[in-house]
C-alpha cells in the first residue's frame, strides 16, 4: 500500500485496498469532523476540510479513483461508490452516487437521490431524483444556503470539537 500524507498537506492520497478508513480518519482528525467507513478503494483522495457524516460509506471498485474535493460534504447515510465529488458540493442525506459519477463544484444532490453511474452533475446546480437530474441552478434557491454555509460551519465545528477533546482516564 502506498500512501502520501504530510501533516500540513491539503490532501490525503491512498493507493491500495483495505486501509483507507484508518488513514483518512487519522489524517483528517485534527482538520475536520469526519465519520467514514471506506475500504477496497484502489485510489482515494480526500481534500482538507472534507466532511463525511455518520453512517456514510465511501467505497469503490478496483481501478476507479474516488476523489472528494475541499469543503465537500457527504451527509448522513450516503453511499459514494467510485465517484468524484468536486469542491464544496453537497451530497444530502441518504443519497447514492455510483461508479464514475461526477458532482460539480458547489452543486447539491437532494436527499435520497440516486446519481447513476457515469452521470455528470455540472457545477452550481440542484439535482434530484432517481436517477438524479438537474432541476435548476442553485443560486437564489433555499438549497444555496446549505451549499454556501456547510463548508465554513463544519470547519468551525471541527475546531470546537478539537478544542473540547480531552483524554479520559
N, C-alpha and C. Protein backbone atom coordinates (compact mmCIF):
# COMPACT_ATOMS: atom_id res chain seq x y z
N UNK A 1 0.84 -1.18 0.00
CA UNK A 1 0.00 0.00 0.00
C UNK A 1 0.88 1.24 0.00
N UNK A 2 0.67 2.13 -0.94
CA UNK A 2 1.40 3.38 -0.98
C UNK A 2 0.50 4.46 -0.40
N UNK A 3 1.07 5.29 0.43
CA UNK A 3 0.27 6.38 0.97
C UNK A 3 1.08 7.66 0.90
N UNK A 4 0.40 8.73 0.68
CA UNK A 4 1.04 10.02 0.58
C UNK A 4 0.30 10.97 1.51
N UNK A 5 0.84 11.16 2.70
CA UNK A 5 0.19 12.02 3.67
C UNK A 5 1.25 12.83 4.38
N UNK A 6 1.11 14.13 4.36
CA UNK A 6 2.00 15.02 5.09
C UNK A 6 1.16 15.76 6.11
N UNK A 7 1.67 15.96 7.33
CA UNK A 7 0.86 16.57 8.39
C UNK A 7 0.19 17.88 8.02
N UNK A 8 0.84 18.72 7.24
CA UNK A 8 0.25 20.01 6.91
C UNK A 8 -0.21 20.09 5.47
N UNK A 9 -0.30 18.95 4.81
CA UNK A 9 -0.69 18.97 3.41
C UNK A 9 -2.19 19.17 3.27
N UNK A 10 -2.60 19.52 2.07
CA UNK A 10 -4.02 19.77 1.82
C UNK A 10 -4.73 18.53 1.30
N UNK A 11 -4.03 17.43 1.12
CA UNK A 11 -4.65 16.26 0.52
C UNK A 11 -4.07 14.99 1.13
N UNK A 12 -4.94 14.01 1.32
CA UNK A 12 -4.51 12.66 1.70
C UNK A 12 -4.80 11.76 0.52
N UNK A 13 -3.80 11.06 0.05
CA UNK A 13 -3.98 10.14 -1.06
C UNK A 13 -3.57 8.76 -0.61
N UNK A 14 -4.41 7.79 -0.92
CA UNK A 14 -4.15 6.42 -0.52
C UNK A 14 -4.24 5.55 -1.75
N UNK A 15 -3.25 4.68 -1.96
CA UNK A 15 -3.31 3.73 -3.03
C UNK A 15 -3.25 2.34 -2.42
N UNK A 16 -4.18 1.49 -2.77
CA UNK A 16 -4.23 0.14 -2.22
C UNK A 16 -5.51 -0.06 -1.43
N UNK A 17 -5.85 -1.29 -1.22
CA UNK A 17 -7.14 -1.60 -0.61
C UNK A 17 -7.06 -1.77 0.89
N UNK A 18 -8.18 -1.61 1.55
CA UNK A 18 -8.49 -2.06 2.90
C UNK A 18 -7.95 -1.22 4.06
N UNK A 19 -7.20 -0.15 3.82
CA UNK A 19 -6.72 0.63 4.95
C UNK A 19 -7.13 2.08 4.86
N UNK A 20 -8.04 2.38 3.96
CA UNK A 20 -8.41 3.77 3.71
C UNK A 20 -9.06 4.40 4.94
N UNK A 21 -9.97 3.70 5.59
CA UNK A 21 -10.73 4.30 6.69
C UNK A 21 -9.81 4.78 7.81
N UNK A 22 -8.88 3.95 8.22
CA UNK A 22 -7.99 4.33 9.31
C UNK A 22 -7.10 5.49 8.91
N UNK A 23 -6.55 5.45 7.72
CA UNK A 23 -5.66 6.51 7.30
C UNK A 23 -6.41 7.83 7.13
N UNK A 24 -7.55 7.80 6.47
CA UNK A 24 -8.30 9.03 6.24
C UNK A 24 -8.78 9.62 7.56
N UNK A 25 -9.31 8.79 8.44
CA UNK A 25 -9.78 9.30 9.73
C UNK A 25 -8.63 9.91 10.51
N UNK A 26 -7.47 9.27 10.48
CA UNK A 26 -6.31 9.79 11.19
C UNK A 26 -5.81 11.09 10.60
N UNK A 27 -5.75 11.18 9.28
CA UNK A 27 -5.23 12.38 8.64
C UNK A 27 -6.13 13.57 8.86
N UNK A 28 -7.44 13.35 8.84
CA UNK A 28 -8.36 14.46 8.95
C UNK A 28 -8.79 14.76 10.38
N UNK A 29 -8.37 13.94 11.33
CA UNK A 29 -8.91 14.07 12.68
C UNK A 29 -8.65 15.44 13.30
N UNK A 30 -7.57 16.12 12.93
CA UNK A 30 -7.36 17.44 13.51
C UNK A 30 -7.74 18.55 12.54
N UNK A 31 -8.43 18.23 11.47
CA UNK A 31 -8.80 19.25 10.49
C UNK A 31 -10.30 19.34 10.25
N UNK A 32 -11.03 18.27 10.44
CA UNK A 32 -12.47 18.33 10.18
C UNK A 32 -13.18 17.23 10.94
N UNK A 33 -14.48 17.40 11.05
CA UNK A 33 -15.31 16.37 11.65
C UNK A 33 -15.50 15.30 10.59
N UNK A 34 -15.18 14.06 10.93
CA UNK A 34 -15.22 13.03 9.92
C UNK A 34 -15.65 11.71 10.52
N UNK A 35 -16.64 11.10 9.92
CA UNK A 35 -17.02 9.74 10.27
C UNK A 35 -17.16 9.00 8.96
N UNK A 36 -16.25 8.11 8.68
CA UNK A 36 -16.24 7.48 7.36
C UNK A 36 -15.93 6.00 7.48
N UNK A 37 -16.62 5.23 6.68
CA UNK A 37 -16.30 3.82 6.50
C UNK A 37 -15.89 3.68 5.06
N UNK A 38 -14.66 3.27 4.81
CA UNK A 38 -14.20 3.13 3.43
C UNK A 38 -13.25 1.95 3.35
N UNK A 39 -13.40 1.17 2.32
CA UNK A 39 -12.48 0.06 2.13
C UNK A 39 -12.47 -0.39 0.69
N UNK A 40 -11.47 -1.15 0.33
CA UNK A 40 -11.34 -1.72 -1.01
C UNK A 40 -11.31 -0.67 -2.11
N UNK A 41 -10.77 0.48 -1.82
CA UNK A 41 -10.64 1.53 -2.83
C UNK A 41 -9.20 1.52 -3.31
N UNK A 42 -9.00 1.43 -4.63
CA UNK A 42 -7.63 1.43 -5.14
C UNK A 42 -6.96 2.78 -4.90
N UNK A 43 -7.62 3.85 -5.29
CA UNK A 43 -7.05 5.18 -5.10
C UNK A 43 -8.13 6.08 -4.53
N UNK A 44 -7.85 6.67 -3.39
CA UNK A 44 -8.80 7.59 -2.78
C UNK A 44 -8.08 8.88 -2.45
N UNK A 45 -8.70 9.99 -2.75
CA UNK A 45 -8.11 11.28 -2.48
C UNK A 45 -9.13 12.13 -1.74
N UNK A 46 -8.73 12.61 -0.57
CA UNK A 46 -9.62 13.41 0.27
C UNK A 46 -8.94 14.73 0.56
N UNK A 47 -9.57 15.81 0.18
CA UNK A 47 -9.00 17.14 0.42
C UNK A 47 -9.27 17.60 1.85
N UNK A 48 -8.51 18.58 2.28
CA UNK A 48 -8.70 19.17 3.60
C UNK A 48 -10.11 19.72 3.72
N UNK A 49 -10.67 19.61 4.92
CA UNK A 49 -11.99 20.13 5.26
C UNK A 49 -13.12 19.35 4.61
N UNK A 50 -12.84 18.15 4.16
CA UNK A 50 -13.89 17.27 3.67
C UNK A 50 -14.73 16.81 4.86
N UNK A 51 -16.04 16.73 4.68
CA UNK A 51 -16.92 16.26 5.75
C UNK A 51 -17.69 15.05 5.24
N UNK A 52 -17.53 13.93 5.92
CA UNK A 52 -18.31 12.73 5.64
C UNK A 52 -19.02 12.40 6.94
N UNK A 53 -20.34 12.45 6.92
CA UNK A 53 -21.10 12.34 8.16
C UNK A 53 -21.45 10.90 8.51
N UNK A 54 -22.03 10.74 9.71
CA UNK A 54 -22.32 9.44 10.30
C UNK A 54 -23.04 8.50 9.34
N UNK A 55 -22.57 7.26 9.32
CA UNK A 55 -23.24 6.20 8.59
C UNK A 55 -22.99 6.17 7.10
N UNK A 56 -22.16 7.07 6.59
CA UNK A 56 -21.89 7.08 5.15
C UNK A 56 -20.76 6.13 4.81
N UNK A 57 -20.80 5.62 3.59
CA UNK A 57 -19.80 4.67 3.12
C UNK A 57 -19.20 5.21 1.84
N UNK A 58 -17.89 5.29 1.80
CA UNK A 58 -17.16 5.64 0.59
C UNK A 58 -16.41 4.39 0.18
N UNK A 59 -16.63 3.95 -1.04
CA UNK A 59 -16.16 2.65 -1.47
C UNK A 59 -15.97 2.72 -2.97
N UNK A 60 -15.27 1.77 -3.54
CA UNK A 60 -15.15 1.77 -4.98
C UNK A 60 -14.51 0.52 -5.52
N UNK A 61 -14.73 0.27 -6.79
CA UNK A 61 -14.15 -0.91 -7.42
C UNK A 61 -12.69 -0.67 -7.81
N UNK A 62 -11.95 -1.74 -8.04
CA UNK A 62 -10.56 -1.58 -8.46
C UNK A 62 -10.47 -0.74 -9.73
N UNK A 63 -9.47 0.15 -9.74
CA UNK A 63 -9.21 0.93 -10.93
C UNK A 63 -9.90 2.27 -11.02
N UNK A 64 -10.92 2.51 -10.20
CA UNK A 64 -11.58 3.82 -10.23
C UNK A 64 -11.01 4.70 -9.13
N UNK A 65 -10.81 5.95 -9.46
CA UNK A 65 -10.35 6.91 -8.47
C UNK A 65 -11.55 7.49 -7.76
N UNK A 66 -11.51 7.49 -6.43
CA UNK A 66 -12.53 8.18 -5.64
C UNK A 66 -11.88 9.45 -5.15
N UNK A 67 -12.53 10.57 -5.44
CA UNK A 67 -11.95 11.86 -5.06
C UNK A 67 -13.02 12.70 -4.39
N UNK A 68 -12.67 13.27 -3.24
CA UNK A 68 -13.58 14.15 -2.51
C UNK A 68 -12.86 15.47 -2.33
N UNK A 69 -13.39 16.51 -2.95
CA UNK A 69 -12.73 17.80 -3.01
C UNK A 69 -12.83 18.61 -1.72
N UNK A 70 -12.07 19.70 -1.64
CA UNK A 70 -12.06 20.53 -0.44
C UNK A 70 -13.43 21.12 -0.14
N UNK A 71 -13.85 21.01 1.11
CA UNK A 71 -15.11 21.57 1.53
C UNK A 71 -16.33 20.78 1.10
N UNK A 72 -16.13 19.64 0.44
CA UNK A 72 -17.27 18.82 0.03
C UNK A 72 -17.91 18.18 1.25
N UNK A 73 -19.22 17.99 1.20
CA UNK A 73 -19.96 17.35 2.29
C UNK A 73 -20.71 16.14 1.75
N UNK A 74 -20.49 15.01 2.41
CA UNK A 74 -21.31 13.81 2.19
C UNK A 74 -22.11 13.66 3.48
N UNK A 75 -23.42 13.88 3.38
CA UNK A 75 -24.27 13.90 4.57
C UNK A 75 -24.52 12.48 5.09
N UNK A 76 -25.36 12.37 6.09
CA UNK A 76 -25.64 11.10 6.77
C UNK A 76 -26.20 10.03 5.84
N UNK A 77 -25.75 8.80 6.06
CA UNK A 77 -26.31 7.60 5.42
C UNK A 77 -26.24 7.60 3.90
N UNK A 78 -25.13 8.09 3.36
CA UNK A 78 -24.92 8.09 1.91
C UNK A 78 -23.98 6.95 1.52
N UNK A 79 -24.08 6.55 0.27
CA UNK A 79 -23.12 5.62 -0.32
C UNK A 79 -22.52 6.33 -1.53
N UNK A 80 -21.20 6.49 -1.52
CA UNK A 80 -20.49 7.06 -2.67
C UNK A 80 -19.55 5.97 -3.15
N UNK A 81 -19.74 5.54 -4.38
CA UNK A 81 -19.03 4.37 -4.90
C UNK A 81 -18.22 4.76 -6.12
N UNK A 82 -16.92 4.96 -5.94
CA UNK A 82 -16.04 5.24 -7.07
C UNK A 82 -16.39 6.48 -7.85
N UNK A 83 -16.66 7.58 -7.16
CA UNK A 83 -17.11 8.81 -7.81
C UNK A 83 -16.18 9.98 -7.49
N UNK A 84 -16.38 11.08 -8.16
CA UNK A 84 -15.63 12.31 -7.91
C UNK A 84 -16.61 13.36 -7.41
N UNK A 85 -16.30 13.91 -6.24
CA UNK A 85 -17.10 14.99 -5.66
C UNK A 85 -16.23 16.24 -5.65
N UNK A 86 -16.63 17.23 -6.41
CA UNK A 86 -15.81 18.43 -6.54
C UNK A 86 -15.99 19.37 -5.35
N UNK A 87 -15.20 20.43 -5.36
CA UNK A 87 -15.11 21.40 -4.27
C UNK A 87 -16.48 21.91 -3.81
N UNK A 88 -16.70 21.82 -2.49
CA UNK A 88 -17.87 22.36 -1.81
C UNK A 88 -19.21 21.85 -2.35
N UNK A 89 -19.21 20.69 -3.00
CA UNK A 89 -20.51 20.13 -3.37
C UNK A 89 -21.13 19.50 -2.12
N UNK A 90 -22.42 19.27 -2.18
CA UNK A 90 -23.13 18.70 -1.04
C UNK A 90 -23.98 17.53 -1.53
N UNK A 91 -23.70 16.35 -1.00
CA UNK A 91 -24.50 15.16 -1.28
C UNK A 91 -25.36 14.97 -0.04
N UNK A 92 -26.66 15.22 -0.16
CA UNK A 92 -27.55 15.26 1.00
C UNK A 92 -27.87 13.86 1.53
N UNK A 93 -28.52 13.83 2.70
CA UNK A 93 -28.82 12.58 3.41
C UNK A 93 -29.39 11.50 2.51
N UNK A 94 -28.87 10.29 2.68
CA UNK A 94 -29.45 9.12 2.04
C UNK A 94 -29.21 8.96 0.55
N UNK A 95 -28.29 9.73 -0.01
CA UNK A 95 -28.02 9.64 -1.46
C UNK A 95 -27.12 8.46 -1.78
N UNK A 96 -27.22 8.01 -3.02
CA UNK A 96 -26.29 7.02 -3.58
C UNK A 96 -25.68 7.63 -4.83
N UNK A 97 -24.34 7.61 -4.89
CA UNK A 97 -23.61 8.13 -6.05
C UNK A 97 -22.76 6.97 -6.58
N UNK A 98 -23.02 6.57 -7.82
CA UNK A 98 -22.43 5.34 -8.36
C UNK A 98 -21.16 5.58 -9.19
N UNK A 99 -20.53 4.48 -9.57
CA UNK A 99 -19.23 4.45 -10.26
C UNK A 99 -19.11 5.45 -11.39
N UNK A 100 -18.02 6.22 -11.33
CA UNK A 100 -17.70 7.13 -12.42
C UNK A 100 -18.50 8.40 -12.46
N UNK A 101 -19.42 8.58 -11.53
CA UNK A 101 -20.21 9.82 -11.50
C UNK A 101 -19.34 10.98 -11.04
N UNK A 102 -19.73 12.17 -11.42
CA UNK A 102 -19.03 13.39 -11.01
C UNK A 102 -20.07 14.41 -10.59
N UNK A 103 -19.88 14.95 -9.38
CA UNK A 103 -20.75 16.01 -8.86
C UNK A 103 -19.95 17.30 -8.92
N UNK A 104 -20.44 18.29 -9.65
CA UNK A 104 -19.72 19.53 -9.86
C UNK A 104 -19.60 20.40 -8.62
N UNK A 105 -18.65 21.30 -8.66
CA UNK A 105 -18.37 22.22 -7.55
C UNK A 105 -19.62 23.00 -7.18
N UNK A 106 -19.87 23.11 -5.88
CA UNK A 106 -20.97 23.88 -5.30
C UNK A 106 -22.34 23.48 -5.85
N UNK A 107 -22.47 22.21 -6.21
CA UNK A 107 -23.78 21.65 -6.57
C UNK A 107 -24.33 20.89 -5.37
N UNK A 108 -25.64 20.67 -5.38
CA UNK A 108 -26.27 19.89 -4.32
C UNK A 108 -27.08 18.78 -4.95
N UNK A 109 -26.91 17.57 -4.42
CA UNK A 109 -27.74 16.44 -4.79
C UNK A 109 -28.74 16.28 -3.66
N UNK A 110 -30.03 16.40 -3.96
CA UNK A 110 -31.09 16.39 -2.94
C UNK A 110 -31.16 15.04 -2.23
N UNK A 111 -31.70 15.07 -1.03
CA UNK A 111 -31.79 13.88 -0.18
C UNK A 111 -32.45 12.71 -0.92
N UNK A 112 -31.90 11.54 -0.68
CA UNK A 112 -32.41 10.26 -1.20
C UNK A 112 -32.37 10.14 -2.72
N UNK A 113 -31.53 10.93 -3.36
CA UNK A 113 -31.39 10.83 -4.82
C UNK A 113 -30.39 9.73 -5.18
N UNK A 114 -30.49 9.25 -6.40
CA UNK A 114 -29.56 8.26 -6.94
C UNK A 114 -28.87 8.88 -8.15
N UNK A 115 -27.54 9.07 -8.02
CA UNK A 115 -26.76 9.58 -9.15
C UNK A 115 -26.23 8.36 -9.89
N UNK A 116 -26.68 8.17 -11.12
CA UNK A 116 -26.36 6.98 -11.90
C UNK A 116 -24.87 6.91 -12.25
N UNK A 117 -24.40 5.72 -12.54
CA UNK A 117 -23.02 5.51 -12.97
C UNK A 117 -22.70 6.41 -14.16
N UNK A 118 -21.53 7.02 -14.11
CA UNK A 118 -21.01 7.89 -15.17
C UNK A 118 -21.81 9.17 -15.40
N UNK A 119 -22.78 9.46 -14.55
CA UNK A 119 -23.54 10.72 -14.67
C UNK A 119 -22.64 11.89 -14.32
N UNK A 120 -22.91 13.03 -14.92
CA UNK A 120 -22.18 14.26 -14.62
C UNK A 120 -23.21 15.30 -14.21
N UNK A 121 -23.08 15.75 -12.97
CA UNK A 121 -23.90 16.86 -12.46
C UNK A 121 -23.00 18.09 -12.55
N UNK A 122 -23.34 19.06 -13.38
CA UNK A 122 -22.45 20.21 -13.57
C UNK A 122 -22.35 21.09 -12.33
N UNK A 123 -21.38 21.97 -12.30
CA UNK A 123 -21.22 22.88 -11.15
C UNK A 123 -22.42 23.80 -10.97
N UNK A 124 -22.71 24.13 -9.71
CA UNK A 124 -23.68 25.18 -9.38
C UNK A 124 -25.13 24.87 -9.63
N UNK A 125 -25.53 23.59 -9.51
CA UNK A 125 -26.93 23.24 -9.76
C UNK A 125 -27.50 22.40 -8.62
N UNK A 126 -28.82 22.30 -8.61
CA UNK A 126 -29.53 21.38 -7.72
C UNK A 126 -29.98 20.21 -8.59
N UNK A 127 -29.61 18.99 -8.16
CA UNK A 127 -30.03 17.78 -8.87
C UNK A 127 -30.84 16.93 -7.90
N UNK A 128 -31.84 16.24 -8.40
CA UNK A 128 -32.69 15.41 -7.55
C UNK A 128 -33.31 14.29 -8.37
N UNK A 129 -33.72 13.24 -7.67
CA UNK A 129 -34.47 12.17 -8.30
C UNK A 129 -33.70 10.88 -8.39
N UNK A 130 -34.36 9.90 -9.00
CA UNK A 130 -33.78 8.58 -9.19
C UNK A 130 -34.13 8.11 -10.60
N UNK A 131 -33.26 8.34 -11.57
CA UNK A 131 -31.92 8.89 -11.42
C UNK A 131 -31.96 10.41 -11.25
N UNK A 132 -30.91 10.93 -10.61
CA UNK A 132 -30.84 12.37 -10.37
C UNK A 132 -30.69 13.11 -11.69
N UNK A 133 -31.45 14.18 -11.82
CA UNK A 133 -31.36 15.06 -12.98
C UNK A 133 -31.28 16.50 -12.46
N UNK A 134 -30.71 17.37 -13.28
CA UNK A 134 -30.60 18.77 -12.90
C UNK A 134 -31.99 19.38 -12.89
N UNK A 135 -32.32 20.03 -11.76
CA UNK A 135 -33.62 20.69 -11.63
C UNK A 135 -33.53 22.18 -11.95
N UNK A 136 -32.45 22.82 -11.49
CA UNK A 136 -32.32 24.26 -11.69
C UNK A 136 -30.94 24.71 -11.20
N UNK A 137 -30.52 25.92 -11.58
CA UNK A 137 -29.32 26.49 -10.96
C UNK A 137 -29.57 26.68 -9.46
N UNK A 138 -28.54 26.55 -8.66
CA UNK A 138 -28.70 26.61 -7.21
C UNK A 138 -28.82 28.05 -6.70
N UNK A 139 -28.25 29.01 -7.42
CA UNK A 139 -28.31 30.40 -6.98
C UNK A 139 -29.75 30.86 -6.81
N UNK A 140 -30.02 31.47 -5.65
CA UNK A 140 -31.34 32.01 -5.38
C UNK A 140 -32.35 31.01 -4.85
N UNK A 141 -31.93 29.76 -4.62
CA UNK A 141 -32.84 28.76 -4.08
C UNK A 141 -32.53 28.51 -2.60
N UNK A 142 -33.44 27.90 -1.86
CA UNK A 142 -33.14 27.56 -0.47
C UNK A 142 -31.93 26.61 -0.34
N UNK A 143 -31.70 25.77 -1.34
CA UNK A 143 -30.55 24.86 -1.30
C UNK A 143 -29.22 25.61 -1.30
N UNK A 144 -29.21 26.81 -1.86
CA UNK A 144 -27.98 27.60 -1.90
C UNK A 144 -27.45 27.86 -0.49
N UNK A 145 -28.35 28.07 0.47
CA UNK A 145 -27.94 28.30 1.86
C UNK A 145 -27.05 27.17 2.35
N UNK A 146 -27.47 25.92 2.12
CA UNK A 146 -26.72 24.76 2.63
C UNK A 146 -25.38 24.60 1.93
N UNK A 147 -25.36 24.81 0.62
CA UNK A 147 -24.12 24.67 -0.13
C UNK A 147 -23.11 25.74 0.29
N UNK A 148 -23.59 26.95 0.48
CA UNK A 148 -22.69 28.06 0.85
C UNK A 148 -22.27 27.99 2.32
N UNK A 149 -23.14 27.50 3.20
CA UNK A 149 -22.90 27.52 4.64
C UNK A 149 -22.11 26.32 5.14
N UNK A 150 -22.35 25.14 4.59
CA UNK A 150 -21.77 23.91 5.14
C UNK A 150 -20.25 23.93 5.31
N UNK A 151 -19.46 24.30 4.29
CA UNK A 151 -18.00 24.20 4.47
C UNK A 151 -17.49 24.99 5.67
N UNK A 152 -17.89 26.24 5.80
CA UNK A 152 -17.43 27.06 6.92
C UNK A 152 -17.98 26.59 8.25
N UNK A 153 -19.25 26.20 8.26
CA UNK A 153 -19.87 25.74 9.51
C UNK A 153 -19.17 24.50 10.05
N UNK A 154 -18.81 23.57 9.17
CA UNK A 154 -18.15 22.36 9.63
C UNK A 154 -16.69 22.60 10.00
N UNK A 155 -16.04 23.56 9.36
CA UNK A 155 -14.68 23.92 9.79
C UNK A 155 -14.72 24.47 11.22
N UNK A 156 -15.70 25.34 11.50
CA UNK A 156 -15.83 25.89 12.86
C UNK A 156 -16.19 24.79 13.86
N UNK A 157 -17.07 23.89 13.49
CA UNK A 157 -17.46 22.79 14.37
C UNK A 157 -16.26 21.89 14.68
N UNK A 158 -15.44 21.63 13.67
CA UNK A 158 -14.26 20.80 13.88
C UNK A 158 -13.31 21.44 14.89
N UNK A 159 -13.14 22.75 14.81
CA UNK A 159 -12.28 23.45 15.76
C UNK A 159 -12.85 23.33 17.17
N UNK A 160 -14.16 23.54 17.32
CA UNK A 160 -14.79 23.41 18.64
C UNK A 160 -14.62 22.01 19.20
N UNK A 161 -14.81 21.00 18.36
CA UNK A 161 -14.65 19.61 18.81
C UNK A 161 -13.21 19.34 19.22
N UNK A 162 -12.26 19.80 18.38
CA UNK A 162 -10.85 19.55 18.68
C UNK A 162 -10.44 20.21 20.00
N UNK A 163 -10.90 21.43 20.23
CA UNK A 163 -10.57 22.13 21.47
C UNK A 163 -11.22 21.49 22.68
N UNK A 164 -12.34 20.83 22.49
CA UNK A 164 -13.07 20.23 23.61
C UNK A 164 -12.70 18.79 23.90
N UNK A 165 -11.81 18.20 23.09
CA UNK A 165 -11.43 16.80 23.31
C UNK A 165 -10.35 16.73 24.36
N UNK A 166 -10.59 15.87 25.35
CA UNK A 166 -9.61 15.66 26.42
C UNK A 166 -9.46 14.17 26.66
N UNK A 167 -8.28 13.76 27.06
CA UNK A 167 -8.04 12.36 27.38
C UNK A 167 -8.80 12.01 28.65
N UNK A 168 -9.46 10.87 28.65
CA UNK A 168 -10.22 10.41 29.81
C UNK A 168 -9.46 9.25 30.42
N UNK A 169 -9.29 9.32 31.75
CA UNK A 169 -8.67 8.18 32.46
C UNK A 169 -7.22 8.14 32.50
